[in-house]
C-alpha atoms as a PDB file:
ATOM      1  CA  MET A   1      -0.181  -0.010  -0.034  1.00  0.00           C
ATOM      2  CA  PRO A   2       2.366   2.669  -1.234  1.00  0.00           C
ATOM      3  CA  VAL A   3       2.839   5.334   0.894  1.00  0.00           C
ATOM      4  CA  GLY A   4      -0.219   4.611   2.918  1.00  0.00           C
ATOM      5  CA  GLU A   5      -2.382   4.757   0.386  1.00  0.00           C
ATOM      6  CA  SER A   6      -4.563   1.254   0.049  1.00  0.00           C
ATOM      7  CA  ASP A   7      -5.792   1.363  -4.122  1.00  0.00           C
ATOM      8  CA  LYS A   8      -2.603   1.855  -5.544  1.00  0.00           C
ATOM      9  CA  GLY A   9      -0.025  -0.716  -6.779  1.00  0.00           C
ATOM     10  CA  PHE A  10      -2.627  -3.393  -7.730  1.00  0.00           C
ATOM     11  CA  SER A  11      -5.453  -4.253  -9.596  1.00  0.00           C
ATOM     12  CA  ALA A  12      -9.457  -6.510 -10.034  1.00  0.00           C
ATOM     13  CA  GLN A  13      -9.133  -9.377 -12.468  1.00  0.00           C
ATOM     14  CA  ARG A  14     -12.456  -9.628 -14.413  1.00  0.00           C
ATOM     15  CA  GLY A  15     -15.616 -10.069 -11.735  1.00  0.00           C
ATOM     16  CA  GLN A  16     -13.420  -9.378  -8.582  1.00  0.00           C
ATOM     17  CA  ILE A  17     -14.126  -6.718  -6.217  1.00  0.00           C
ATOM     18  CA  TYR A  18     -11.293  -5.193  -3.599  1.00  0.00           C
ATOM     19  CA  TYR A  19     -12.856  -3.769  -0.918  1.00  0.00           C
ATOM     20  CA  ALA A  20     -10.565  -1.790   1.436  1.00  0.00           C
ATOM     21  CA  MET A  21     -11.101   0.372   4.841  1.00  0.00           C
ATOM     22  CA  GLN A  22      -8.364   3.374   5.246  1.00  0.00           C
ATOM     23  CA  THR A  23      -7.948   5.493   8.476  1.00  0.00           C
ATOM     24  CA  SER A  24      -5.520   8.167   9.561  1.00  0.00           C
ATOM     25  CA  PHE A  25      -5.448  10.966  12.175  1.00  0.00           C
ATOM     26  CA  THR A  26      -3.077  14.212  11.157  1.00  0.00           C
ATOM     27  CA  THR A  27      -2.089  16.701  14.029  1.00  0.00           C
ATOM     28  CA  ILE A  28      -0.667  20.115  13.304  1.00  0.00           C
ATOM     29  CA  ASN A  29       0.589  21.920  15.755  1.00  0.00           C
ATOM     30  CA  TRP A  30       0.226  25.326  14.562  1.00  0.00           C
ATOM     31  CA  TRP A  31       1.342  29.039  15.255  1.00  0.00           C
ATOM     32  CA  HIS A  32       1.118  32.267  13.834  1.00  0.00           C
ATOM     33  CA  GLU A  33       1.931  36.068  14.532  1.00  0.00           C
ATOM     34  CA  ALA A  34      -0.544  38.687  15.920  1.00  0.00           C
ATOM     35  CA  VAL A  35      -3.195  40.189  13.086  1.00  0.00           C
ATOM     36  CA  ALA A  36      -4.882  43.001  12.735  1.00  0.00           C
ATOM     37  CA  ALA A  37      -6.825  44.137  15.849  1.00  0.00           C
ATOM     38  CA  GLU A  38      -6.165  40.774  17.673  1.00  0.00           C
ATOM     39  CA  GLN A  39      -2.602  41.860  18.826  1.00  0.00           C
ATOM     40  CA  PHE A  40      -1.474  38.506  20.170  1.00  0.00           C
ATOM     41  CA  GLU A  41       0.061  35.123  18.671  1.00  0.00           C
ATOM     42  CA  HIS A  42      -2.258  32.635  17.820  1.00  0.00           C
ATOM     43  CA  GLN A  43      -1.955  29.118  17.977  1.00  0.00           C
ATOM     44  CA  GLY A  44      -3.753  25.862  18.568  1.00  0.00           C
ATOM     45  CA  LEU A  45      -4.176  22.218  17.322  1.00  0.00           C
ATOM     46  CA  LEU A  46      -5.982  20.943  13.893  1.00  0.00           C
ATOM     47  CA  ASN A  47      -6.662  17.476  13.997  1.00  0.00           C
ATOM     48  CA  THR A  48      -8.453  15.539  11.676  1.00  0.00           C
ATOM     49  CA  TYR A  49      -9.825  12.060  11.883  1.00  0.00           C
ATOM     50  CA  LEU A  50     -10.939  10.277   8.723  1.00  0.00           C
ATOM     51  CA  LEU A  51     -12.481   7.227   7.882  1.00  0.00           C
ATOM     52  CA  GLN A  52     -12.343   6.295   4.132  1.00  0.00           C
ATOM     53  CA  PRO A  53     -13.885   3.155   2.514  1.00  0.00           C
ATOM     54  CA  MET A  54     -12.981   2.360  -0.903  1.00  0.00           C
ATOM     55  CA  GLY A  55     -13.364  -0.392  -3.329  1.00  0.00           C
ATOM     56  CA  ILE A  56     -11.846  -1.800  -6.775  1.00  0.00           C
ATOM     57  CA  PHE A  57     -14.370  -3.559  -9.475  1.00  0.00           C
ATOM     58  CA  GLY A  58     -12.703  -5.619 -11.906  1.00  0.00           C
ATOM     59  CA  ILE A  59     -14.821  -4.390 -14.887  1.00  0.00           C
ATOM     60  CA  ASN A  60     -12.637  -6.737 -17.563  1.00  0.00           C
ATOM     61  CA  GLU A  61      -9.315  -7.980 -18.363  1.00  0.00           C
ATOM     62  CA  LYS A  62      -8.226  -3.882 -19.033  1.00  0.00           C
ATOM     63  CA  LEU A  63     -10.580  -1.738 -16.956  1.00  0.00           C
ATOM     64  CA  ASN A  64     -10.758  -1.530 -13.066  1.00  0.00           C
ATOM     65  CA  ILE A  65     -13.039   0.941 -11.239  1.00  0.00           C
ATOM     66  CA  ALA A  66     -12.460   2.780  -7.951  1.00  0.00           C
ATOM     67  CA  PHE A  67     -14.671   4.201  -5.653  1.00  0.00           C
ATOM     68  CA  SER A  68     -14.117   5.871  -2.368  1.00  0.00           C
ATOM     69  CA  THR A  69     -15.458   8.402   0.208  1.00  0.00           C
ATOM     70  CA  THR A  70     -14.619  10.348   3.284  1.00  0.00           C
ATOM     71  CA  LEU A  71     -16.382  10.356   6.609  1.00  0.00           C
ATOM     72  CA  GLY A  72     -14.686  12.459   9.547  1.00  0.00           C
ATOM     73  CA  LEU A  73     -13.808  15.923  11.457  1.00  0.00           C
ATOM     74  CA  ARG A  74     -11.441  18.583  11.615  1.00  0.00           C
ATOM     75  CA  GLU A  75     -11.073  19.717  14.952  1.00  0.00           C
ATOM     76  CA  MET A  76      -9.561  22.731  16.142  1.00  0.00           C
ATOM     77  CA  GLN A  77      -7.996  23.396  19.919  1.00  0.00           C
ATOM     78  CA  TRP A  78      -7.063  26.898  20.812  1.00  0.00           C
ATOM     79  CA  ASP A  79      -4.954  26.824  23.058  1.00  0.00           C
ATOM     80  CA  THR A  80      -4.773  30.873  23.579  1.00  0.00           C
ATOM     81  CA  PRO A  81      -6.793  32.538  26.579  1.00  0.00           C
ATOM     82  CA  ASP A  82      -7.718  35.747  24.198  1.00  0.00           C
ATOM     83  CA  LYS A  83     -10.948  35.647  22.642  1.00  0.00           C
ATOM     84  CA  SER A  84     -10.708  35.568  18.511  1.00  0.00           C
ATOM     85  CA  ILE A  85     -13.288  36.002  15.273  1.00  0.00           C
ATOM     86  CA  HIS A  86     -10.651  33.957  13.731  1.00  0.00           C
ATOM     87  CA  HIS A  87     -10.532  30.675  15.648  1.00  0.00           C
ATOM     88  CA  ARG A  88     -12.358  28.788  18.275  1.00  0.00           C
ATOM     89  CA  GLY A  89     -12.473  25.545  20.075  1.00  0.00           C
ATOM     90  CA  GLU A  90     -14.362  23.682  17.309  1.00  0.00           C
ATOM     91  CA  THR A  91     -14.839  21.114  14.876  1.00  0.00           C
ATOM     92  CA  THR A  92     -16.257  20.563  11.270  1.00  0.00           C
ATOM     93  CA  LEU A  93     -19.552  18.750  12.741  1.00  0.00           C
ATOM     94  CA  SER A  94     -21.060  22.179  13.653  1.00  0.00           C
ATOM     95  CA  HIS A  95     -22.366  24.705  11.603  1.00  0.00           C
ATOM     96  CA  PHE A  96     -20.957  28.428  11.983  1.00  0.00           C
ATOM     97  CA  ARG A  97     -21.277  31.936   9.961  1.00  0.00           C
ATOM     98  CA  ASN A  98     -19.768  30.607   7.155  1.00  0.00           C
ATOM     99  CA  ALA A  99     -19.326  26.834   7.716  1.00  0.00           C
ATOM    100  CA  ILE A 100     -22.153  23.899   7.202  1.00  0.00           C
ATOM    101  CA  GLY A 101     -21.189  21.198   9.677  1.00  0.00           C
ATOM    102  CA  SER A 102     -21.049  17.722   8.595  1.00  0.00           C
ATOM    103  CA  LEU A 103     -19.001  14.215   8.410  1.00  0.00           C
ATOM    104  CA  LEU A 104     -19.560  13.975   4.989  1.00  0.00           C
ATOM    105  CA  GLY A 105     -16.395  14.457   3.021  1.00  0.00           C
ATOM    106  CA  ASP A 106     -15.435  14.372  -1.088  1.00  0.00           C
ATOM    107  CA  SER A 107     -15.886  11.088  -3.146  1.00  0.00           C
ATOM    108  CA  ARG A 108     -14.167   9.550  -5.933  1.00  0.00           C
ATOM    109  CA  PHE A 109     -14.493   8.034  -8.579  1.00  0.00           C
ATOM    110  CA  ILE A 110     -11.799   6.556 -11.058  1.00  0.00           C
ATOM    111  CA  LEU A 111     -11.828   4.650 -14.168  1.00  0.00           C
ATOM    112  CA  ARG A 112      -8.739   2.895 -14.921  1.00  0.00           C
ATOM    113  CA  TYR A 113      -6.956   1.267 -17.750  1.00  0.00           C
ATOM    114  CA  LEU A 114      -4.688  -1.719 -16.988  1.00  0.00           C
ATOM    115  CA  LEU A 115      -1.198  -0.914 -19.756  1.00  0.00           C
ATOM    116  CA  LYS A 116       0.234  -3.739 -18.311  1.00  0.00           C
ATOM    117  CA  ASP A 117      -0.463  -6.217 -15.719  1.00  0.00           C
ATOM    118  CA  ALA A 118       1.274  -8.976 -14.090  1.00  0.00           C
ATOM    119  CA  GLY A 119      -1.528  -9.826 -11.691  1.00  0.00           C
ATOM    120  CA  ALA A 120      -0.063 -11.861  -8.732  1.00  0.00           C
ATOM    121  CA  GLU A 121       3.470 -12.649 -10.307  1.00  0.00           C
ATOM    122  CA  MET A 122       6.578 -10.885 -10.933  1.00  0.00           C
ATOM    123  CA  GLY A 123       6.742  -7.897 -13.422  1.00  0.00           C
ATOM    124  CA  PRO A 124       5.596  -4.293 -13.988  1.00  0.00           C
ATOM    125  CA  ARG A 125       2.055  -3.065 -13.157  1.00  0.00           C
ATOM    126  CA  ILE A 126       1.317   0.551 -15.565  1.00  0.00           C
ATOM    127  CA  TYR A 127      -1.953   2.360 -15.095  1.00  0.00           C
ATOM    128  CA  ILE A 128      -3.279   5.022 -16.109  1.00  0.00           C
ATOM    129  CA  GLY A 129      -6.791   6.317 -14.758  1.00  0.00           C
ATOM    130  CA  SER A 130      -9.204   9.437 -14.723  1.00  0.00           C
ATOM    131  CA  GLY A 131     -12.195  10.213 -12.561  1.00  0.00           C
ATOM    132  CA  LEU A 132     -14.275  12.605 -10.676  1.00  0.00           C
ATOM    133  CA  VAL A 133     -14.037  14.385  -7.185  1.00  0.00           C
ATOM    134  CA  ILE A 134     -17.581  14.437  -5.895  1.00  0.00           C
ATOM    135  CA  PRO A 135     -17.851  17.564  -2.978  1.00  0.00           C
ATOM    136  CA  GLY A 136     -19.357  16.343   0.324  1.00  0.00           C
ATOM    137  CA  SER A 137     -21.551  18.957   2.331  1.00  0.00           C
ATOM    138  CA  SER A 138     -18.526  19.614   5.005  1.00  0.00           C
ATOM    139  CA  VAL A 139     -18.076  23.190   3.194  1.00  0.00           C
ATOM    140  CA  LEU A 140     -17.653  26.922   3.513  1.00  0.00           C
ATOM    141  CA  THR A 141     -20.117  28.873   2.204  1.00  0.00           C
ATOM    142  CA  SER A 142     -17.881  32.714   2.058  1.00  0.00           C
ATOM    143  CA  ASP A 143     -14.837  33.630   2.309  1.00  0.00           C
ATOM    144  CA  PRO A 144     -12.830  33.255   5.551  1.00  0.00           C
ATOM    145  CA  PHE A 145     -10.181  36.032   3.987  1.00  0.00           C
ATOM    146  CA  PHE A 146     -12.637  38.984   3.379  1.00  0.00           C
ATOM    147  CA  LEU A 147     -10.769  39.855   0.307  1.00  0.00           C
ATOM    148  CA  ASN A 148     -13.659  41.871  -1.068  1.00  0.00           C
ATOM    149  CA  GLY A 149     -12.597  44.236   1.613  1.00  0.00           C
ATOM    150  CA  GLU A 150     -16.008  43.931   3.701  1.00  0.00           C
ATOM    151  CA  LEU A 151     -15.148  44.173   7.080  1.00  0.00           C
ATOM    152  CA  TYR A 152     -13.672  40.984   9.313  1.00  0.00           C
ATOM    153  CA  LYS A 153     -16.586  38.797  11.145  1.00  0.00           C
ATOM    154  CA  LYS A 154     -16.416  35.715  13.089  1.00  0.00           C
ATOM    155  CA  HIS A 155     -15.681  32.953  10.723  1.00  0.00           C
ATOM    156  CA  ARG A 156     -14.066  29.384  10.340  1.00  0.00           C
ATOM    157  CA  HIS A 157     -10.913  28.398   8.228  1.00  0.00           C
ATOM    158  CA  PHE A 158     -11.667  25.150   7.792  1.00  0.00           C
ATOM    159  CA  SER A 159     -13.523  22.711   6.271  1.00  0.00           C
ATOM    160  CA  LEU A 160     -13.809  18.994   5.114  1.00  0.00           C
ATOM    161  CA  SER A 161     -14.520  19.831   1.529  1.00  0.00           C
ATOM    162  CA  SER A 162     -13.786  22.407  -1.006  1.00  0.00           C
ATOM    163  CA  GLY A 163     -17.336  22.362  -2.267  1.00  0.00           C
ATOM    164  CA  ALA A 164     -16.142  21.856  -5.855  1.00  0.00           C
ATOM    165  CA  TYR A 165     -16.266  19.429  -8.441  1.00  0.00           C
ATOM    166  CA  LYS A 166     -12.737  18.315  -9.727  1.00  0.00           C
ATOM    167  CA  ALA A 167     -11.300  16.249 -12.670  1.00  0.00           C
ATOM    168  CA  ILE A 168      -8.836  13.334 -11.617  1.00  0.00           C
ATOM    169  CA  MET A 169      -5.626  12.109 -13.254  1.00  0.00           C
ATOM    170  CA  GLU A 170      -3.647   9.387 -12.673  1.00  0.00           C
ATOM    171  CA  THR A 171      -0.516   7.382 -13.498  1.00  0.00           C
ATOM    172  CA  GLN A 172       0.518   4.411 -11.742  1.00  0.00           C
ATOM    173  CA  ILE A 173       3.510   2.634 -12.403  1.00  0.00           C
ATOM    174  CA  PHE A 174       5.258  -0.448 -10.180  1.00  0.00           C
ATOM    175  CA  LEU A 175       7.205  -3.367 -10.965  1.00  0.00           C
ATOM    176  CA  LYS A 176       7.319  -6.051  -8.365  1.00  0.00           C
ATOM    177  CA  ARG A 177      10.459  -8.576  -8.181  1.00  0.00           C
ATOM    178  CA  ASN A 178      12.141 -11.426  -6.329  1.00  0.00           C
ATOM    179  CA  VAL A 179      14.520  -9.348  -4.463  1.00  0.00           C
ATOM    180  CA  ASN A 180      14.591  -6.840  -2.347  1.00  0.00           C
ATOM    181  CA  PRO A 181      12.936  -4.220  -2.344  1.00  0.00           C
ATOM    182  CA  VAL A 182      10.102  -6.451  -3.707  1.00  0.00           C
ATOM    183  CA  PHE A 183       7.976  -3.885  -4.598  1.00  0.00           C
ATOM    184  CA  LEU A 184       8.510  -0.463  -5.847  1.00  0.00           C
ATOM    185  CA  GLY A 185       7.398   2.225  -8.125  1.00  0.00           C
ATOM    186  CA  GLY A 186       5.193   5.302  -7.897  1.00  0.00           C
ATOM    187  CA  PHE A 187       2.209   7.709  -9.030  1.00  0.00           C
ATOM    188  CA  ILE A 188       1.063  10.698 -10.157  1.00  0.00           C
ATOM    189  CA  VAL A 189      -2.294  12.271  -9.084  1.00  0.00           C
ATOM    190  CA  VAL A 190      -3.728  15.276 -10.416  1.00  0.00           C
ATOM    191  CA  GLU A 191      -6.426  17.211  -9.140  1.00  0.00           C
ATOM    192  CA  TYR A 192      -7.972  20.213 -11.411  1.00  0.00           C
ATOM    193  CA  PRO A 193     -11.384  21.955 -10.161  1.00  0.00           C
ATOM    194  CA  ILE A 194     -13.755  21.783 -13.300  1.00  0.00           C
ATOM    195  CA  ALA A 195     -15.690  25.190 -11.753  1.00  0.00           C
ATOM    196  CA  GLU A 196     -16.207  27.074  -8.743  1.00  0.00           C
ATOM    197  CA  SER A 197     -18.112  25.864  -5.828  1.00  0.00           C
ATOM    198  CA  LYS A 198     -21.881  27.297  -5.401  1.00  0.00           C
ATOM    199  CA  TYR A 199     -20.570  29.606  -3.163  1.00  0.00           C
ATOM    200  CA  GLY A 200     -17.696  30.760  -4.828  1.00  0.00           C
ATOM    201  CA  TYR A 201     -14.721  29.150  -4.059  1.00  0.00           C
ATOM    202  CA  LEU A 202     -12.589  27.886  -7.134  1.00  0.00           C
ATOM    203  CA  PRO A 203      -9.548  25.184  -5.490  1.00  0.00           C
ATOM    204  CA  PRO A 204      -6.510  25.263  -6.534  1.00  0.00           C
ATOM    205  CA  VAL A 205      -5.357  22.385  -9.186  1.00  0.00           C
ATOM    206  CA  VAL A 206      -3.333  19.831  -6.924  1.00  0.00           C
ATOM    207  CA  THR A 207      -0.872  17.221  -7.912  1.00  0.00           C
ATOM    208  CA  ARG A 208       0.508  14.729  -5.613  1.00  0.00           C
ATOM    209  CA  MET A 209       3.489  12.304  -6.300  1.00  0.00           C
ATOM    210  CA  SER A 210       4.773   9.335  -4.562  1.00  0.00           C
ATOM    211  CA  LEU A 211       7.714   6.959  -4.181  1.00  0.00           C
ATOM    212  CA  SER A 212       7.620   3.908  -2.606  1.00  0.00           C
ATOM    213  CA  ALA A 213       9.714   0.674  -1.618  1.00  0.00           C
ATOM    214  CA  SER A 214       8.853  -2.620   0.009  1.00  0.00           C
ATOM    215  CA  PHE A 215      11.437  -4.497   1.928  1.00  0.00           C
ATOM    216  CA  MET A 216      10.076  -7.970   2.565  1.00  0.00           C
ATOM    217  CA  GLN A 217      10.661 -10.110   5.503  1.00  0.00           C
ATOM    218  CA  TYR A 218      10.261 -13.150   4.523  1.00  0.00           C
ATOM    219  CA  ASP A 219       8.297 -13.969   8.097  1.00  0.00           C
ATOM    220  CA  GLU A 220       5.241 -16.040   8.992  1.00  0.00           C
ATOM    221  CA  LEU A 221       3.082 -13.047   8.454  1.00  0.00           C
ATOM    222  CA  MET A 222       4.889 -12.258   5.039  1.00  0.00           C
ATOM    223  CA  SER A 223       4.977  -8.410   6.363  1.00  0.00           C
ATOM    224  CA  SER A 224       7.250  -5.814   4.623  1.00  0.00           C
ATOM    225  CA  ILE A 225       9.023  -2.715   5.707  1.00  0.00           C
ATOM    226  CA  ASP A 226       7.974   0.202   2.974  1.00  0.00           C
ATOM    227  CA  VAL A 227       9.492   3.950   2.657  1.00  0.00           C
ATOM    228  CA  GLY A 228       8.241   6.245   0.832  1.00  0.00           C
ATOM    229  CA  LEU A 229       8.066  10.008  -0.002  1.00  0.00           C
ATOM    230  CA  MET A 230       5.249  11.733  -1.133  1.00  0.00           C
ATOM    231  CA  ILE A 231       5.722  15.845  -2.807  1.00  0.00           C
ATOM    232  CA  SER A 232       2.342  17.635  -2.850  1.00  0.00           C
ATOM    233  CA  HIS A 233       2.370  20.686  -4.722  1.00  0.00           C
ATOM    234  CA  SER A 234      -0.714  23.073  -4.976  1.00  0.00           C
ATOM    235  CA  TYR A 235      -1.544  26.295  -6.480  1.00  0.00           C
ATOM    236  CA  GLN A 236      -3.288  29.090  -6.125  1.00  0.00           C
ATOM    237  CA  GLY A 237      -7.151  29.281  -5.251  1.00  0.00           C
ATOM    238  CA  LYS A 238      -9.475  31.935  -5.614  1.00  0.00           C
ATOM    239  CA  TRP A 239     -12.836  33.270  -3.792  1.00  0.00           C
ATOM    240  CA  HIS A 240     -14.932  35.271  -5.927  1.00  0.00           C
ATOM    241  CA  GLY A 241     -12.066  35.438  -8.869  1.00  0.00           C
ATOM    242  CA  LEU A 242      -9.561  37.056  -5.972  1.00  0.00           C
ATOM    243  CA  PRO A 243      -6.678  35.176  -5.193  1.00  0.00           C
ATOM    244  CA  GLU A 244      -6.706  32.758  -1.612  1.00  0.00           C
ATOM    245  CA  PRO A 245      -3.565  33.897   0.490  1.00  0.00           C
ATOM    246  CA  ASN A 246      -1.106  31.086   1.308  1.00  0.00           C
ATOM    247  CA  SER A 247      -3.039  28.336  -0.940  1.00  0.00           C
ATOM    248  CA  GLU A 248       0.099  27.898  -3.353  1.00  0.00           C
ATOM    249  CA  SER A 249       2.015  25.340  -1.532  1.00  0.00           C
ATOM    250  CA  LEU A 250       4.413  22.971  -1.434  1.00  0.00           C
ATOM    251  CA  ALA A 251       5.138  19.696   0.944  1.00  0.00           C
ATOM    252  CA  LEU A 252       7.398  16.781   0.900  1.00  0.00           C
ATOM    253  CA  SER A 253       6.273  14.095   3.227  1.00  0.00           C
ATOM    254  CA  PRO A 254       8.735  10.920   4.188  1.00  0.00           C
ATOM    255  CA  SER A 255       6.983   7.821   5.245  1.00  0.00           C
ATOM    256  CA  ILE A 256       7.644   4.708   6.746  1.00  0.00           C
ATOM    257  CA  GLY A 257       5.028   1.655   6.817  1.00  0.00           C
ATOM    258  CA  TYR A 258       4.590  -1.854   8.024  1.00  0.00           C
ATOM    259  CA  LEU A 259       2.298  -4.292   5.971  1.00  0.00           C
ATOM    260  CA  PHE A 260       1.365  -7.787   7.521  1.00  0.00           C
ATOM    261  CA  ASN A 261      -0.976 -10.569   5.994  1.00  0.00           C
ATOM    262  CA  THR A 262      -3.744 -11.904   8.186  1.00  0.00           C
ATOM    263  CA  ARG A 263      -6.970 -14.285   6.951  1.00  0.00           C
ATOM    264  CA  PHE A 264      -8.850 -11.402   6.266  1.00  0.00           C
ATOM    265  CA  GLY A 265      -6.303  -9.351   4.120  1.00  0.00           C
ATOM    266  CA  ALA A 266      -3.604  -7.426   4.031  1.00  0.00           C
ATOM    267  CA  VAL A 267      -3.116  -4.616   6.580  1.00  0.00           C
ATOM    268  CA  ALA A 268      -0.994  -1.808   6.692  1.00  0.00           C
ATOM    269  CA  LEU A 269       0.213   0.830   9.146  1.00  0.00           C
ATOM    270  CA  ASN A 270       1.934   4.516   8.461  1.00  0.00           C
ATOM    271  CA  LEU A 271       4.081   7.198   9.466  1.00  0.00           C
ATOM    272  CA  GLN A 272       4.238  10.294   7.986  1.00  0.00           C
ATOM    273  CA  LYS A 273       5.596  13.431   8.662  1.00  0.00           C
ATOM    274  CA  PRO A 274       5.190  16.561   6.233  1.00  0.00           C
ATOM    275  CA  PHE A 275       7.330  19.309   5.711  1.00  0.00           C
ATOM    276  CA  MET A 276       6.360  22.424   4.146  1.00  0.00           C
ATOM    277  CA  ILE A 277       8.878  23.890   1.930  1.00  0.00           C
ATOM    278  CA  PHE A 278       6.485  27.045   0.995  1.00  0.00           C
ATOM    279  CA  GLY A 279       2.928  28.020   2.188  1.00  0.00           C
ATOM    280  CA  ALA A 280       0.780  27.145   5.168  1.00  0.00           C
ATOM    281  CA  PHE A 281      -0.895  24.102   6.093  1.00  0.00           C
ATOM    282  CA  VAL A 282      -3.197  25.930   7.674  1.00  0.00           C
ATOM    283  CA  GLN A 283      -5.373  28.456   6.440  1.00  0.00           C
ATOM    284  CA  ASN A 284      -4.365  31.900   7.823  1.00  0.00           C
ATOM    285  CA  GLU A 285      -5.189  35.284   7.722  1.00  0.00           C
ATOM    286  CA  GLY A 286      -2.515  36.431   5.231  1.00  0.00           C
ATOM    287  CA  ASP A 287       0.669  36.386   4.069  1.00  0.00           C
ATOM    288  CA  ILE A 288       2.134  36.514   7.670  1.00  0.00           C
ATOM    289  CA  ASP A 289       4.960  35.019   9.814  1.00  0.00           C
ATOM    290  CA  GLN A 290       3.749  31.643  11.015  1.00  0.00           C
ATOM    291  CA  ARG A 291       4.968  27.946  11.696  1.00  0.00           C
ATOM    292  CA  SER A 292       3.612  24.319  11.814  1.00  0.00           C
ATOM    293  CA  ASP A 293       4.879  21.124  13.137  1.00  0.00           C
ATOM    294  CA  VAL A 294       3.123  17.981  11.409  1.00  0.00           C
ATOM    295  CA  TRP A 295       2.709  14.478  12.322  1.00  0.00           C
ATOM    296  CA  GLN A 296       0.295  11.730  10.223  1.00  0.00           C
ATOM    297  CA  ILE A 297      -0.475   7.946  11.329  1.00  0.00           C
ATOM    298  CA  SER A 298      -2.679   5.638   9.068  1.00  0.00           C
ATOM    299  CA  PHE A 299      -4.226   2.356   9.488  1.00  0.00           C
ATOM    300  CA  ALA A 300      -5.224   0.195   6.572  1.00  0.00           C
ATOM    301  CA  LEU A 301      -7.087  -2.888   5.762  1.00  0.00           C
ATOM    302  CA  ARG A 302      -7.667  -4.404   2.144  1.00  0.00           C
ATOM    303  CA  PHE A 303      -9.412  -7.481   1.196  1.00  0.00           C
ATOM    304  CA  LEU A 304     -10.775  -9.002  -1.445  1.00  0.00           C
ATOM    305  CA  PHE A 305     -14.422  -9.915  -1.637  1.00  0.00           C
ATOM    306  CA  ASN A 306     -15.179 -13.755  -2.369  1.00  0.00           C
ATOM    307  CA  ARG A 307     -19.053 -13.910  -3.731  1.00  0.00           C
ATOM    308  CA  GLU A 308     -19.065 -17.836  -3.917  1.00  0.00           C
END
């Protein structure tokens, strides 16, 4: 499961259905300097808990369809005694002045063409795919930066979904061998907004590139140690055509994981440590001095559904 992505690096044969359940926890310890009328430092924790059911169905020898949805919440823990219109203790389950509360994030459907597929044997796996991101109901309903010059009011900066439909393009290239690393390769995924959300937000184009390698342990569990690197780039988003501050970003996320097999299926644990090269993990009030410390841990289970 490359870099914790349980739908990458394998395919379903004709009529087969693979199911997967992926959970992740991300914590961001963030800080930024005083802003405008709030002449005190802002700091807190932004925690994200996600549950992602997903599946892959083999249409025929050359086509797979992958589908997933995202359920979860983001939670702000405000660590400053001062009152702020920008931040407070809250989660994405609650409504707010400029936010709809919900546990439903984005859903994704991807049609994959198997250019080369060695199946369970040694050899290459080369897939290309395209699909659609369907927005969830946890969204922001107005610009939290007040870019049009309106007077600042209480607002929220985070949600589970951008609220916009997006196109997906992906390429996967992996190789299975009989010497370590037994499985290596990577993928590139690009998500491109089709149009603004109904609230006037145009999310940025996001590109993710992953490289990974698996080192077999040859034990009773047929386990492996997995190492990887994720590179994520985001272009600038816009609210009603106006540039969104700090939305352009570049992050590097090295990872290490442990995969083992059970009678239920393959189980993977993965730890990532993202490093921001430029931009912001937490969308704040503008181009100001800021810092953040981010960790992510994920757990995934993948199994083949037997209809007999």
